[in-house]
Amino acid sequence: MRKGLLIFVLMMGMLRLGAQELNSPQLSQYLADNPFVLAPTYAGIGDHVKIRLNGLSQWVGIKDAPQTQSLAADARIGNKSGLGVFLYNDKNGYTRQQGARLSFAHHLTLDRYEDEFLSMGISYNFNQFRIDIEEFRNLNGDPSVTDDRSTSNHNFDVGVMYRKNKFYVSVNASNLLDKDLRSFNPVFEPNQLRNYYVYTGFRYSKNKNSRVEIEPSVLYKLFESDGRSETDLNMKVRLYDFEDYYYGGINYRFLNDQVGKPLYIAPFVGFKKSNFYFGYSFQIILNEILAYSYGTHVITVGMDLFQGLSNCRCTY
């Protein structure tokens, strides 16, 4: 039984690596008022310095399940540009991934009276993937396993976003460059790491004085290496108390060839009080791994600092 469970976990880990290779695992972190984790175009949108820390604990109940920590921060530079940085550390069984993303975005005002804006962004990515050889030595007692088994990748993301009033749509392409396969088996190892994202939504309120705001949104992701695609359907409700607010919602993710069989359903809640931010989400897994795991936790904490850096309406 234990052997069968170990094989199952290893297989799930390999599937996860194939899906997330040289990327930070993306679940519902972006719904914690942190869309910068998706695309560089969001760098500098806001009249403050935004800092978000994310903790991701996957497959709760399974020993040595994946764990991810990340830091996202972005700030306005002048009236029309923004800079951002994203750092992550990901542990999955006997493998480790660390990465960094440096982003620049430029924001243009198309119509100041209609609040119509166009943003363009680019990111430089650095990722390192390595095998924890100490764990292999301890597990197998094999002294021949030596050296630091690792590989690094340099890559780029680009994106564009259009906003009008409370409607938004962004298109992003990540990992534009093919992977160098000289250190791998080119027959079995894919070299196309490109992923394509489309994220769109609308923030609705009854009137300007309404304390309630409803935000439906959709995230579509396409993986070029194998043609897989998946979709998130989201619904978010905010309750405002002057500049503070509380929110709750639901995230529904599915593969596009299996619409009626969701990968998970994730309720999420959070609040912003003064400059402090907190968000929590729990992914309820709805596939075969449900027999072994309780689900996945995502926690976000953050601060919004130095408000008032820009007077441009495109910060809102």
Protein backbone atom coordinates (compact mmCIF):
# COMPACT_ATOMS: atom_id res chain seq x y z
CA MET A 1 0.00 0.00 0.00
CA ARG A 2 2.76 2.42 0.95
CA LYS A 3 4.68 1.54 -2.21
CA GLY A 4 1.62 2.17 -4.33
CA LEU A 5 1.04 5.54 -2.66
CA LEU A 6 4.69 6.52 -3.21
CA ILE A 7 4.43 5.68 -6.92
CA PHE A 8 1.21 7.69 -7.15
CA VAL A 9 2.79 10.74 -5.52
CA LEU A 10 5.84 10.54 -7.78
CA MET A 11 3.62 10.34 -10.86
CA MET A 12 1.61 13.34 -9.73
CA GLY A 13 4.85 15.20 -9.08
CA MET A 14 6.09 14.49 -12.60
CA LEU A 15 2.80 15.70 -14.05
CA ARG A 16 3.06 18.86 -11.99
CA LEU A 17 6.65 19.46 -13.13
CA GLY A 18 5.62 19.07 -16.75
CA ALA A 19 2.91 21.67 -16.22
CA GLN A 20 4.94 24.12 -14.12
CA GLU A 21 8.46 23.70 -15.48
CA LEU A 22 10.44 26.93 -15.06
CA ASN A 23 7.36 28.71 -13.71
CA SER A 24 5.96 29.44 -10.30
CA PRO A 25 2.85 27.29 -9.65
CA GLN A 26 -0.17 29.49 -10.38
CA LEU A 27 -3.38 28.72 -8.56
CA SER A 28 -5.56 31.49 -7.14
CA GLN A 29 -2.80 33.89 -5.96
CA TYR A 30 -3.76 36.44 -8.62
CA LEU A 31 -7.27 36.73 -7.16
CA ALA A 32 -5.80 38.07 -3.90
CA ASP A 33 -5.77 41.53 -5.53
CA ASN A 34 -2.38 40.62 -7.00
CA PRO A 35 -2.67 40.18 -10.79
CA PHE A 36 0.99 41.21 -11.20
CA VAL A 37 1.88 37.53 -10.59
CA LEU A 38 0.25 36.82 -13.98
CA ALA A 39 1.63 39.53 -16.23
CA PRO A 40 4.21 42.35 -16.30
CA THR A 41 1.59 44.82 -17.58
CA TYR A 42 0.28 45.23 -14.01
CA ALA A 43 3.57 46.66 -12.72
CA GLY A 44 2.93 50.13 -11.34
CA ILE A 45 -0.86 50.13 -11.56
CA GLY A 46 -1.72 51.75 -8.25
CA ASP A 47 -0.72 54.94 -6.48
CA HIS A 48 1.42 53.03 -3.98
CA VAL A 49 4.14 50.42 -3.59
CA LYS A 50 2.40 47.06 -3.46
CA ILE A 51 4.06 44.16 -1.61
CA ARG A 52 2.55 40.67 -1.45
CA LEU A 53 3.89 37.50 0.22
CA ASN A 54 2.31 34.21 -0.85
CA GLY A 55 2.50 30.81 0.82
CA LEU A 56 1.24 27.81 -1.13
CA SER A 57 0.84 24.36 0.44
CA GLN A 58 -0.41 21.78 -2.08
CA TRP A 59 -1.96 18.35 -1.54
CA VAL A 60 -2.39 18.65 2.23
CA GLY A 61 -2.23 15.20 3.83
CA ILE A 62 0.51 13.82 1.55
CA LYS A 63 4.04 13.63 2.92
CA ASP A 64 6.60 15.83 1.12
CA ALA A 65 3.87 17.48 -0.94
CA PRO A 66 4.78 20.60 -2.99
CA GLN A 67 5.42 23.83 -1.07
CA THR A 68 5.91 27.25 -2.64
CA GLN A 69 6.80 30.67 -1.23
CA SER A 70 6.83 33.84 -3.29
CA LEU A 71 7.26 37.61 -3.01
CA ALA A 72 5.68 40.04 -5.47
CA ALA A 73 6.33 43.79 -5.33
CA ASP A 74 5.68 46.56 -7.83
CA ALA A 75 5.76 50.35 -7.78
CA ARG A 76 5.00 53.39 -9.90
CA ILE A 77 7.95 55.11 -11.57
CA GLY A 78 6.93 58.60 -12.63
CA ASN A 79 3.44 59.16 -14.05
CA LYS A 80 3.45 56.58 -16.85
CA SER A 81 5.69 53.62 -15.95
CA GLY A 82 6.12 50.91 -13.36
CA LEU A 83 8.70 48.41 -12.13
CA GLY A 84 8.12 45.07 -10.44
CA VAL A 85 9.95 42.06 -9.05
CA PHE A 86 8.70 38.54 -8.41
CA LEU A 87 10.73 35.93 -6.47
CA TYR A 88 9.74 32.35 -5.74
CA ASN A 89 11.01 29.16 -4.15
CA ASP A 90 9.30 25.87 -5.00
CA LYS A 91 9.94 22.45 -3.43
CA ASN A 92 8.41 19.31 -4.92
CA GLY A 93 9.64 16.01 -3.52
CA TYR A 94 13.35 15.72 -4.34
CA THR A 95 13.36 18.69 -6.73
CA ARG A 96 13.79 22.43 -6.15
CA GLN A 97 13.00 25.45 -8.27
CA GLN A 98 13.99 29.04 -7.55
CA GLY A 99 13.26 31.94 -9.83
CA ALA A 100 13.13 35.69 -10.26
CA ARG A 101 11.24 37.96 -12.63
CA LEU A 102 12.06 41.63 -13.22
CA SER A 103 9.31 43.58 -14.99
CA PHE A 104 8.83 46.94 -16.63
CA ALA A 105 5.48 48.36 -17.78
CA HIS A 106 4.45 51.54 -19.57
CA HIS A 107 0.92 52.92 -19.28
CA LEU A 108 -0.69 55.16 -21.92
CA THR A 109 -3.85 57.23 -21.52
CA LEU A 110 -6.06 56.84 -24.61
CA ASP A 111 -9.00 58.90 -23.30
CA ARG A 112 -8.76 60.66 -19.94
CA TYR A 113 -12.50 61.40 -19.84
CA GLU A 114 -13.57 57.81 -20.52
CA ASP A 115 -10.77 56.33 -18.35
CA GLU A 116 -9.40 54.39 -21.33
CA PHE A 117 -5.83 53.08 -20.99
CA LEU A 118 -3.33 50.86 -22.77
CA SER A 119 -0.46 49.16 -20.92
CA MET A 120 2.55 47.27 -22.30
CA GLY A 121 4.97 45.19 -20.26
CA ILE A 122 8.07 43.04 -20.51
CA SER A 123 9.81 40.76 -18.01
CA TYR A 124 13.20 39.12 -17.77
CA ASN A 125 13.01 35.70 -16.08
CA PHE A 126 15.71 33.66 -14.41
CA ASN A 127 14.93 30.15 -13.15
CA GLN A 128 17.02 27.38 -11.64
CA PHE A 129 15.87 23.77 -11.40
CA ARG A 130 17.88 21.25 -9.38
CA ILE A 131 17.70 17.79 -7.81
CA ASP A 132 18.29 17.48 -4.07
CA ILE A 133 21.13 14.92 -4.19
CA GLU A 134 21.36 14.78 -0.39
CA GLU A 135 17.84 13.34 -0.30
CA PHE A 136 18.80 10.72 -2.89
CA ARG A 137 21.86 9.71 -0.89
CA ASN A 138 19.81 9.36 2.27
CA LEU A 139 17.11 7.39 0.46
CA ASN A 140 19.25 5.02 -1.61
CA GLY A 141 22.64 5.17 0.09
CA ASP A 142 24.26 5.56 -3.32
CA PRO A 143 27.65 7.33 -3.01
CA SER A 144 27.89 7.68 -6.80
CA VAL A 145 25.25 10.43 -6.74
CA THR A 146 27.45 13.54 -6.57
CA ASP A 147 27.67 17.12 -7.76
CA ASP A 148 24.93 19.71 -7.96
CA ARG A 149 22.46 18.37 -10.51
CA SER A 150 20.92 21.62 -11.74
CA THR A 151 20.04 23.62 -14.82
CA SER A 152 19.29 27.31 -15.32
CA ASN A 153 17.08 29.11 -17.80
CA HIS A 154 16.95 32.75 -18.96
CA ASN A 155 13.75 33.88 -20.61
CA PHE A 156 11.31 36.72 -21.29
CA ASP A 157 7.60 37.54 -20.96
CA VAL A 158 5.66 40.19 -22.86
CA GLY A 159 2.14 41.45 -22.40
CA VAL A 160 -0.41 44.08 -23.32
CA MET A 161 -3.51 45.24 -21.42
CA TYR A 162 -6.51 47.39 -22.32
CA ARG A 163 -8.75 49.06 -19.75
CA LYS A 164 -11.86 51.16 -20.11
CA ASN A 165 -13.72 52.32 -17.04
CA LYS A 166 -14.08 49.10 -15.01
CA PHE A 167 -13.51 46.64 -17.86
CA TYR A 168 -10.07 45.09 -18.42
CA VAL A 169 -8.47 42.50 -20.70
CA SER A 170 -4.82 41.48 -20.78
CA VAL A 171 -2.88 39.12 -23.06
CA ASN A 172 0.46 37.71 -21.94
CA ALA A 173 3.05 35.34 -23.47
CA SER A 174 5.60 33.86 -21.06
CA ASN A 175 8.89 32.01 -21.66
CA LEU A 176 9.31 33.21 -25.23
CA LEU A 177 12.63 31.44 -25.82
CA ASP A 178 12.96 27.70 -26.47
CA LYS A 179 14.88 25.62 -23.93
CA ASP A 180 18.44 24.54 -24.70
CA LEU A 181 18.28 20.72 -24.96
CA ARG A 182 22.00 19.99 -25.14
CA SER A 183 21.95 18.73 -21.53
CA PHE A 184 18.77 16.70 -22.03
CA ASN A 185 17.31 13.95 -24.18
CA PRO A 186 15.75 15.85 -27.14
CA VAL A 187 13.47 12.90 -27.94
CA PHE A 188 11.56 13.05 -24.66
CA GLU A 189 12.26 16.57 -23.41
CA PRO A 190 10.02 19.38 -24.76
CA ASN A 191 11.85 22.58 -25.64
CA GLN A 192 8.82 24.84 -26.03
CA LEU A 193 8.06 26.46 -22.68
CA ARG A 194 5.75 29.18 -24.00
CA ASN A 195 2.48 29.74 -22.18
CA TYR A 196 -0.22 32.17 -23.30
CA TYR A 197 -2.66 33.86 -20.89
CA VAL A 198 -5.79 35.90 -21.50
CA TYR A 199 -7.29 37.52 -18.41
CA THR A 200 -10.45 39.61 -18.58
CA GLY A 201 -13.12 40.87 -16.22
CA PHE A 202 -15.44 43.67 -15.20
CA ARG A 203 -16.05 45.43 -11.87
CA TYR A 204 -19.74 46.30 -11.43
CA SER A 205 -21.38 48.48 -8.80
CA LYS A 206 -24.89 49.89 -8.75
CA ASN A 207 -23.68 53.47 -8.49
CA LYS A 208 -20.69 55.51 -7.33
CA ASN A 209 -21.88 55.48 -3.73
CA SER A 210 -22.55 51.75 -3.58
CA ARG A 211 -20.58 49.82 -0.95
CA VAL A 212 -20.89 46.54 -2.90
CA GLU A 213 -18.88 45.70 -5.99
CA ILE A 214 -19.16 42.51 -8.07
CA GLU A 215 -16.28 41.35 -10.27
CA PRO A 216 -16.69 38.36 -12.61
CA SER A 217 -13.49 37.37 -14.44
CA VAL A 218 -12.04 34.67 -16.71
CA LEU A 219 -8.46 33.42 -17.07
CA TYR A 220 -7.57 31.29 -20.11
CA LYS A 221 -4.16 29.55 -20.31
CA LEU A 222 -2.65 27.70 -23.28
CA PHE A 223 0.53 25.58 -23.03
CA GLU A 224 2.30 25.41 -26.40
CA SER A 225 4.41 22.32 -25.66
CA ASP A 226 1.49 19.88 -25.68
CA GLY A 227 -1.50 22.00 -26.70
CA ARG A 228 -3.21 21.73 -23.32
CA SER A 229 -5.41 24.60 -22.19
CA GLU A 230 -7.35 25.41 -19.04
CA THR A 231 -9.81 28.04 -17.89
CA ASP A 232 -10.60 29.73 -14.58
CA LEU A 233 -14.11 31.09 -14.02
CA ASN A 234 -14.13 33.54 -11.10
CA MET A 235 -16.68 35.52 -9.15
CA LYS A 236 -15.59 38.07 -6.55
CA VAL A 237 -17.64 40.38 -4.32
CA ARG A 238 -16.18 43.34 -2.39
CA LEU A 239 -17.81 45.19 0.50
CA TYR A 240 -16.29 48.64 0.99
CA ASP A 241 -15.93 50.54 4.25
CA PHE A 242 -14.56 53.87 3.01
CA GLU A 243 -11.04 52.96 1.77
CA ASP A 244 -11.04 49.57 3.51
CA TYR A 245 -12.84 46.56 2.07
CA TYR A 246 -13.65 42.88 2.59
CA TYR A 247 -14.09 40.35 -0.18
CA GLY A 248 -15.11 36.78 -0.90
CA GLY A 249 -15.57 34.67 -3.98
CA ILE A 250 -15.16 31.41 -5.84
CA ASN A 251 -12.64 30.11 -8.39
CA TYR A 252 -13.58 27.21 -10.73
CA ARG A 253 -10.75 25.68 -12.82
CA PHE A 254 -11.10 23.05 -15.56
CA LEU A 255 -9.26 21.66 -18.58
CA ASN A 256 -10.95 22.89 -21.73
CA ASP A 257 -11.51 19.38 -23.07
CA GLN A 258 -13.15 18.42 -19.74
CA VAL A 259 -15.46 21.33 -18.95
CA GLY A 260 -17.76 19.29 -16.72
CA LYS A 261 -14.87 17.80 -14.71
CA PRO A 262 -13.24 20.64 -12.75
CA LEU A 263 -9.69 20.29 -11.46
CA TYR A 264 -10.80 22.10 -8.32
CA ILE A 265 -13.20 24.61 -6.84
CA ALA A 266 -11.60 27.25 -4.62
CA PRO A 267 -13.51 29.56 -2.28
CA PHE A 268 -11.48 32.59 -1.19
CA VAL A 269 -11.82 35.47 1.29
CA GLY A 270 -9.75 38.45 2.34
CA PHE A 271 -9.65 42.05 3.44
CA LYS A 272 -7.67 45.28 3.20
CA LYS A 273 -7.50 47.33 6.39
CA SER A 274 -5.57 50.58 6.22
CA ASN A 275 -2.28 49.55 4.53
CA PHE A 276 -2.46 45.89 5.55
CA TYR A 277 -3.74 43.12 3.28
CA PHE A 278 -4.71 39.50 3.98
CA GLY A 279 -6.16 36.81 1.70
CA TYR A 280 -6.87 33.09 2.03
CA SER A 281 -8.01 30.44 -0.45
CA PHE A 282 -8.58 26.70 -0.21
CA GLN A 283 -8.56 24.54 -3.35
CA ILE A 284 -11.03 21.66 -3.05
CA ILE A 285 -9.54 19.01 -5.36
CA LEU A 286 -12.10 17.15 -7.48
CA ASN A 287 -9.96 14.58 -9.31
CA GLU A 288 -8.35 11.23 -8.36
CA ILE A 289 -5.94 12.76 -5.86
CA LEU A 290 -8.92 13.56 -3.60
CA ALA A 291 -8.56 10.07 -2.09
CA TYR A 292 -5.09 11.03 -0.79
CA SER A 293 -5.22 14.78 -0.14
CA TYR A 294 -7.49 17.26 1.61
CA GLY A 295 -6.75 20.08 -0.81
CA THR A 296 -4.42 23.06 -1.16
CA HIS A 297 -3.98 26.17 1.02
CA VAL A 298 -3.00 29.59 -0.37
CA ILE A 299 -2.25 32.46 2.06
CA THR A 300 -1.40 36.02 1.02
CA VAL A 301 -0.28 38.86 3.28
CA GLY A 302 0.91 42.26 2.15
CA MET A 303 1.29 45.98 2.57
CA ASP A 304 0.49 49.01 0.40
CA LEU A 305 3.09 51.70 1.11
CA PHE A 306 3.84 55.31 0.11
CA GLN A 307 0.47 56.14 -1.39
CA GLY A 308 0.23 59.14 -3.70
CA LEU A 309 3.26 58.54 -5.93
CA SER A 310 1.38 59.39 -9.14
CA ASN A 311 -1.49 61.71 -10.11
CA CYS A 312 -2.29 59.89 -13.37
CA ARG A 313 -5.79 58.37 -13.45
CA CYS A 314 -4.36 55.24 -15.06
CA THR A 315 -3.18 54.18 -11.59
CA TYR A 316 -6.73 53.26 -10.59
